[in-house]
PDB file of N, CA and C in Angstrom:
ATOM      1  N   MET A   1       9.081   3.982  -9.143  1.00  0.00           N
ATOM      2  CA  MET A   1      10.012   3.503  -8.140  1.00  0.00           C
ATOM      3  C   MET A   1       9.778   4.123  -6.550  1.00  0.00           C
ATOM      4  N   ASP A   2       9.729   3.438  -5.458  1.00  0.00           N
ATOM      5  CA  ASP A   2       9.756   3.569  -4.337  1.00  0.00           C
ATOM      6  C   ASP A   2      10.887   3.608  -3.380  1.00  0.00           C
ATOM      7  N   GLU A   3      10.404   4.152  -1.790  1.00  0.00           N
ATOM      8  CA  GLU A   3      11.726   3.947  -1.794  1.00  0.00           C
ATOM      9  C   GLU A   3      12.302   2.801  -1.127  1.00  0.00           C
ATOM     10  N   LYS A   4      11.521   2.185  -0.974  1.00  0.00           N
ATOM     11  CA  LYS A   4      11.817   0.397  -0.917  1.00  0.00           C
ATOM     12  C   LYS A   4      12.219  -0.099  -2.064  1.00  0.00           C
ATOM     13  N   LEU A   5      12.327   0.572  -2.915  1.00  0.00           N
ATOM     14  CA  LEU A   5      12.635  -0.467  -4.141  1.00  0.00           C
ATOM     15  C   LEU A   5      13.722   0.096  -4.454  1.00  0.00           C
ATOM     16  N   ALA A   6      14.044   1.429  -4.151  1.00  0.00           N
ATOM     17  CA  ALA A   6      15.368   2.185  -4.416  1.00  0.00           C
ATOM     18  C   ALA A   6      16.299   1.629  -3.129  1.00  0.00           C
ATOM     19  N   ALA A   7      15.739   1.344  -2.165  1.00  0.00           N
ATOM     20  CA  ALA A   7      16.835   0.670  -1.212  1.00  0.00           C
ATOM     21  C   ALA A   7      17.224  -0.948  -1.430  1.00  0.00           C
ATOM     22  N   LYS A   8      16.501  -1.913  -2.014  1.00  0.00           N
ATOM     23  CA  LYS A   8      16.559  -2.558  -2.906  1.00  0.00           C
ATOM     24  C   LYS A   8      17.741  -2.539  -3.426  1.00  0.00           C
ATOM     25  N   LEU A   9      17.096  -2.118  -4.534  1.00  0.00           N
ATOM     26  CA  LEU A   9      17.993  -2.111  -5.513  1.00  0.00           C
ATOM     27  C   LEU A   9      20.300  -1.571  -5.113  1.00  0.00           C
ATOM     28  N   LEU A  10      19.662  -1.041  -4.130  1.00  0.00           N
ATOM     29  CA  LEU A  10      21.340  -0.006  -4.239  1.00  0.00           C
ATOM     30  C   LEU A  10      21.872  -1.444  -3.325  1.00  0.00           C
ATOM     31  N   ASP A  11      21.331  -2.101  -2.514  1.00  0.00           N
ATOM     32  CA  ASP A  11      21.552  -3.238  -1.695  1.00  0.00           C
ATOM     33  C   ASP A  11      22.390  -3.905  -3.085  1.00  0.00           C
ATOM     34  N   ASP A  12      21.030  -4.524  -3.795  1.00  0.00           N
ATOM     35  CA  ASP A  12      22.061  -5.579  -5.528  1.00  0.00           C
ATOM     36  C   ASP A  12      22.899  -4.682  -6.123  1.00  0.00           C
ATOM     37  N   LEU A  13      23.163  -3.909  -5.590  1.00  0.00           N
ATOM     38  CA  LEU A  13      24.476  -3.119  -6.628  1.00  0.00           C
ATOM     39  C   LEU A  13      25.598  -3.343  -5.649  1.00  0.00           C
ATOM     40  N   ARG A  14      24.909  -3.141  -4.095  1.00  0.00           N
ATOM     41  CA  ARG A  14      26.771  -3.360  -3.308  1.00  0.00           C
ATOM     42  C   ARG A  14      26.955  -4.925  -3.143  1.00  0.00           C
ATOM     43  N   ASP A  15      26.106  -5.569  -3.101  1.00  0.00           N
ATOM     44  CA  ASP A  15      25.989  -6.767  -3.406  1.00  0.00           C
ATOM     45  C   ASP A  15      26.645  -7.746  -4.384  1.00  0.00           C
ATOM     46  N   ARG A  16      26.717  -7.446  -5.997  1.00  0.00           N
ATOM     47  CA  ARG A  16      27.129  -7.099  -6.792  1.00  0.00           C
ATOM     48  C   ARG A  16      26.173  -8.266  -7.430  1.00  0.00           C
ATOM     49  N   ASN A  17      24.683  -8.447  -7.366  1.00  0.00           N
ATOM     50  CA  ASN A  17      23.572  -8.788  -8.202  1.00  0.00           C
ATOM     51  C   ASN A  17      23.674  -8.572  -9.106  1.00  0.00           C
ATOM     52  N   ILE A  18      24.085  -7.102  -8.837  1.00  0.00           N
ATOM     53  CA  ILE A  18      23.457  -6.383 -10.682  1.00  0.00           C
ATOM     54  C   ILE A  18      25.038  -5.383 -10.823  1.00  0.00           C
ATOM     55  N   SER A  19      25.613  -5.211 -11.879  1.00  0.00           N
ATOM     56  CA  SER A  19      26.761  -4.308 -12.088  1.00  0.00           C
ATOM     57  C   SER A  19      26.327  -3.041 -12.086  1.00  0.00           C
ATOM     58  N   GLU A  20      25.844  -2.503 -12.886  1.00  0.00           N
ATOM     59  CA  GLU A  20      25.474  -1.251 -12.903  1.00  0.00           C
ATOM     60  C   GLU A  20      23.495  -0.984 -12.540  1.00  0.00           C
ATOM     61  N   LEU A  21      23.537   0.170 -12.522  1.00  0.00           N
ATOM     62  CA  LEU A  21      21.742   0.558 -11.839  1.00  0.00           C
ATOM     63  C   LEU A  21      21.598   2.695 -12.641  1.00  0.00           C
ATOM     64  N   LEU A  22      20.783   2.032 -13.427  1.00  0.00           N
ATOM     65  CA  LEU A  22      20.120   3.010 -14.440  1.00  0.00           C
ATOM     66  C   LEU A  22      19.312   3.539 -13.621  1.00  0.00           C
ATOM     67  N   VAL A  23      19.543   4.907 -13.462  1.00  0.00           N
ATOM     68  CA  VAL A  23      17.796   5.721 -11.979  1.00  0.00           C
ATOM     69  C   VAL A  23      17.969   6.689 -13.608  1.00  0.00           C
ATOM     70  N   LYS A  24      16.290   6.775 -14.124  1.00  0.00           N
ATOM     71  CA  LYS A  24      15.791   7.826 -14.423  1.00  0.00           C
ATOM     72  C   LYS A  24      15.710   9.427 -14.120  1.00  0.00           C
ATOM     73  N   LYS A  25      15.520  10.178 -15.073  1.00  0.00           N
ATOM     74  CA  LYS A  25      15.146  11.402 -14.321  1.00  0.00           C
ATOM     75  C   LYS A  25      14.349  11.902 -13.486  1.00  0.00           C
ATOM     76  N   GLU A  26      12.997  10.756 -14.071  1.00  0.00           N
ATOM     77  CA  GLU A  26      12.261  11.013 -12.408  1.00  0.00           C
ATOM     78  C   GLU A  26      12.357  10.555 -11.496  1.00  0.00           C
ATOM     79  N   ASP A  27      13.016   9.226 -11.301  1.00  0.00           N
ATOM     80  CA  ASP A  27      12.965   8.268 -10.136  1.00  0.00           C
ATOM     81  C   ASP A  27      14.266   9.531  -9.402  1.00  0.00           C
ATOM     82  N   PHE A  28      15.316  10.570 -10.043  1.00  0.00           N
ATOM     83  CA  PHE A  28      16.623  10.740  -9.122  1.00  0.00           C
ATOM     84  C   PHE A  28      16.189  11.612  -7.987  1.00  0.00           C
ATOM     85  N   LEU A  29      15.556  12.073  -7.691  1.00  0.00           N
ATOM     86  CA  LEU A  29      15.403  13.402  -6.189  1.00  0.00           C
ATOM     87  C   LEU A  29      14.465  11.968  -5.693  1.00  0.00           C
ATOM     88  N   LEU A  30      13.791  10.522  -5.317  1.00  0.00           N
ATOM     89  CA  LEU A  30      13.630  10.269  -4.383  1.00  0.00           C
ATOM     90  C   LEU A  30      14.936   9.399  -4.175  1.00  0.00           C
ATOM     91  N   PHE A  31      15.629   8.455  -5.390  1.00  0.00           N
ATOM     92  CA  PHE A  31      16.634   7.794  -5.207  1.00  0.00           C
ATOM     93  C   PHE A  31      17.932   8.481  -5.225  1.00  0.00           C
ATOM     94  N   ARG A  32      17.806   9.645  -4.714  1.00  0.00           N
ATOM     95  CA  ARG A  32      19.309  10.726  -3.923  1.00  0.00           C
ATOM     96  C   ARG A  32      18.480  10.116  -2.584  1.00  0.00           C
ATOM     97  N   LYS A  33      17.684  10.878  -2.095  1.00  0.00           N
ATOM     98  CA  LYS A  33      17.266  10.793  -0.700  1.00  0.00           C
ATOM     99  C   LYS A  33      17.397   9.496  -0.046  1.00  0.00           C
ATOM    100  N   ILE A  34      17.438   8.530  -0.975  1.00  0.00           N
ATOM    101  CA  ILE A  34      17.423   7.062  -0.518  1.00  0.00           C
ATOM    102  C   ILE A  34      19.288   6.468   0.081  1.00  0.00           C
ATOM    103  N   LEU A  35      19.641   7.182  -1.282  1.00  0.00           N
ATOM    104  CA  LEU A  35      21.490   6.961  -1.658  1.00  0.00           C
ATOM    105  C   LEU A  35      22.338   8.021  -0.718  1.00  0.00           C
ATOM    106  N   VAL A  36      21.987   9.168  -0.067  1.00  0.00           N
ATOM    107  CA  VAL A  36      22.783   9.607   1.100  1.00  0.00           C
ATOM    108  C   VAL A  36      22.622   9.370   2.149  1.00  0.00           C
ATOM    109  N   ASN A  37      21.566   9.018   2.105  1.00  0.00           N
ATOM    110  CA  ASN A  37      21.543   8.730   3.780  1.00  0.00           C
ATOM    111  C   ASN A  37      21.744   7.353   4.340  1.00  0.00           C
ATOM    112  N   ARG A  38      22.530   6.799   3.677  1.00  0.00           N
ATOM    113  CA  ARG A  38      23.197   5.187   3.393  1.00  0.00           C
ATOM    114  C   ARG A  38      24.794   5.708   4.120  1.00  0.00           C
ATOM    115  N   SER A  39      25.447   4.482   4.985  1.00  0.00           N
ATOM    116  CA  SER A  39      26.727   4.693   5.316  1.00  0.00           C
ATOM    117  C   SER A  39      27.468   4.540   4.279  1.00  0.00           C
ATOM    118  N   ASP A  40      27.216   3.475   3.314  1.00  0.00           N
ATOM    119  CA  ASP A  40      28.457   3.115   2.143  1.00  0.00           C
ATOM    120  C   ASP A  40      28.204   4.481   1.345  1.00  0.00           C
ATOM    121  N   PHE A  41      27.839   5.490   1.298  1.00  0.00           N
ATOM    122  CA  PHE A  41      27.055   6.485   0.433  1.00  0.00           C
ATOM    123  C   PHE A  41      28.271   6.527  -0.797  1.00  0.00           C
ATOM    124  N   LYS A  42      29.749   6.971  -0.413  1.00  0.00           N
ATOM    125  CA  LYS A  42      30.763   7.069  -0.443  1.00  0.00           C
ATOM    126  C   LYS A  42      31.250   6.286  -1.585  1.00  0.00           C
ATOM    127  N   HIS A  43      30.684   4.917  -1.208  1.00  0.00           N
ATOM    128  CA  HIS A  43      31.422   3.562  -2.507  1.00  0.00           C
ATOM    129  C   HIS A  43      30.090   4.126  -3.413  1.00  0.00           C
ATOM    130  N   PHE A  44      29.037   4.595  -4.322  1.00  0.00           N
ATOM    131  CA  PHE A  44      28.867   4.430  -5.121  1.00  0.00           C
ATOM    132  C   PHE A  44      28.888   5.702  -6.373  1.00  0.00           C
ATOM    133  N   ARG A  45      29.083   5.594  -7.207  1.00  0.00           N
ATOM    134  CA  ARG A  45      29.504   6.502  -8.541  1.00  0.00           C
ATOM    135  C   ARG A  45      28.425   6.588  -9.068  1.00  0.00           C
ATOM    136  N   GLY A  46      27.760   8.104  -9.313  1.00  0.00           N
ATOM    137  CA  GLY A  46      26.772   8.124 -10.646  1.00  0.00           C
ATOM    138  C   GLY A  46      27.431   8.713 -11.928  1.00  0.00           C
ATOM    139  N   ILE A  47      27.506   8.422 -12.396  1.00  0.00           N
ATOM    140  CA  ILE A  47      27.411   8.964 -14.141  1.00  0.00           C
ATOM    141  C   ILE A  47      26.394   9.756 -15.161  1.00  0.00           C
ATOM    142  N   ALA A  48      26.742  10.924 -14.952  1.00  0.00           N
ATOM    143  CA  ALA A  48      25.381  11.078 -15.534  1.00  0.00           C
ATOM    144  C   ALA A  48      25.241  11.108 -17.002  1.00  0.00           C
ATOM    145  N   GLN A  49      24.020  11.180 -17.719  1.00  0.00           N
ATOM    146  CA  GLN A  49      23.846  10.799 -18.666  1.00  0.00           C
ATOM    147  C   GLN A  49      23.204  11.858 -19.658  1.00  0.00           C
ATOM    148  N   HIS A  50      23.380  11.740 -21.087  1.00  0.00           N
ATOM    149  CA  HIS A  50      22.477  13.423 -21.510  1.00  0.00           C
ATOM    150  C   HIS A  50      21.254  12.483 -21.284  1.00  0.00           C
ATOM    151  N   GLY A  51      20.209  13.986 -21.134  1.00  0.00           N
ATOM    152  CA  GLY A  51      18.929  13.369 -21.232  1.00  0.00           C
ATOM    153  C   GLY A  51      18.361  13.249 -19.592  1.00  0.00           C
ATOM    154  N   GLY A  52      19.497  13.308 -18.457  1.00  0.00           N
ATOM    155  CA  GLY A  52      19.243  13.202 -17.026  1.00  0.00           C
ATOM    156  C   GLY A  52      19.009  12.282 -15.973  1.00  0.00           C
ATOM    157  N   ASP A  53      19.172  11.145 -17.466  1.00  0.00           N
ATOM    158  CA  ASP A  53      19.687   9.871 -16.515  1.00  0.00           C
ATOM    159  C   ASP A  53      20.939   9.791 -15.928  1.00  0.00           C
ATOM    160  N   VAL A  54      21.033   8.872 -14.489  1.00  0.00           N
ATOM    161  CA  VAL A  54      21.660   8.445 -13.894  1.00  0.00           C
ATOM    162  C   VAL A  54      22.499   6.946 -13.741  1.00  0.00           C
ATOM    163  N   ILE A  55      23.481   6.652 -14.542  1.00  0.00           N
ATOM    164  CA  ILE A  55      24.518   4.880 -14.459  1.00  0.00           C
ATOM    165  C   ILE A  55      25.234   5.153 -12.854  1.00  0.00           C
ATOM    166  N   TYR A  56      24.533   4.310 -12.213  1.00  0.00           N
ATOM    167  CA  TYR A  56      24.980   3.899 -10.840  1.00  0.00           C
ATOM    168  C   TYR A  56      26.089   3.149 -10.769  1.00  0.00           C
ATOM    169  N   HIS A  57      27.373   2.740 -10.445  1.00  0.00           N
ATOM    170  CA  HIS A  57      28.372   1.778  -9.867  1.00  0.00           C
ATOM    171  C   HIS A  57      28.623   1.847  -8.633  1.00  0.00           C
ATOM    172  N   TYR A  58      28.964   0.596  -8.065  1.00  0.00           N
ATOM    173  CA  TYR A  58      28.983   0.074  -6.765  1.00  0.00           C
ATOM    174  C   TYR A  58      31.017   0.053  -7.036  1.00  0.00           C
ATOM    175  N   LEU A  59      31.692   1.050  -5.761  1.00  0.00           N
ATOM    176  CA  LEU A  59      33.714   0.673  -5.824  1.00  0.00           C
ATOM    177  C   LEU A  59      33.767  -0.068  -4.986  1.00  0.00           C
ATOM    178  N   GLU A  60      35.081  -0.626  -4.920  1.00  0.00           N
ATOM    179  CA  GLU A  60      35.297  -1.105  -3.731  1.00  0.00           C
ATOM    180  C   GLU A  60      35.665  -0.284  -2.590  1.00  0.00           C
ATOM    181  N   HIS A  61      36.645   0.677  -2.805  1.00  0.00           N
ATOM    182  CA  HIS A  61      36.880   1.909  -1.491  1.00  0.00           C
ATOM    183  C   HIS A  61      35.971   2.814  -2.148  1.00  0.00           C
ATOM    184  N   PRO A  62      35.799   3.569  -1.051  1.00  0.00           N
ATOM    185  CA  PRO A  62      34.712   4.965  -1.355  1.00  0.00           C
ATOM    186  C   PRO A  62      35.379   5.818  -1.948  1.00  0.00           C
ATOM    187  N   ARG A  63      35.194   6.867  -2.719  1.00  0.00           N
ATOM    188  CA  ARG A  63      35.933   7.973  -3.313  1.00  0.00           C
ATOM    189  C   ARG A  63      36.118   8.941  -2.056  1.00  0.00           C
ATOM    190  N   SER A  64      36.968   9.794  -2.392  1.00  0.00           N
ATOM    191  CA  SER A  64      37.484  10.976  -1.245  1.00  0.00           C
ATOM    192  C   SER A  64      36.265  11.708  -1.500  1.00  0.00           C
TER     193      SER A  64
END
């Protein structure tokens, strides 16, 4: 995964083109770097999976 793909996947999740996004352990640090710099960062919720993968969902209302 590169930065451009990570940004596109986050946009797809936000636009409801996909309902969830699985980020593999080896892509997490690069992905998170892109995620935390977004203005809608608090709308994304990541749920850690056993083994280091994370499943992301986009929330209608930002988390507190």
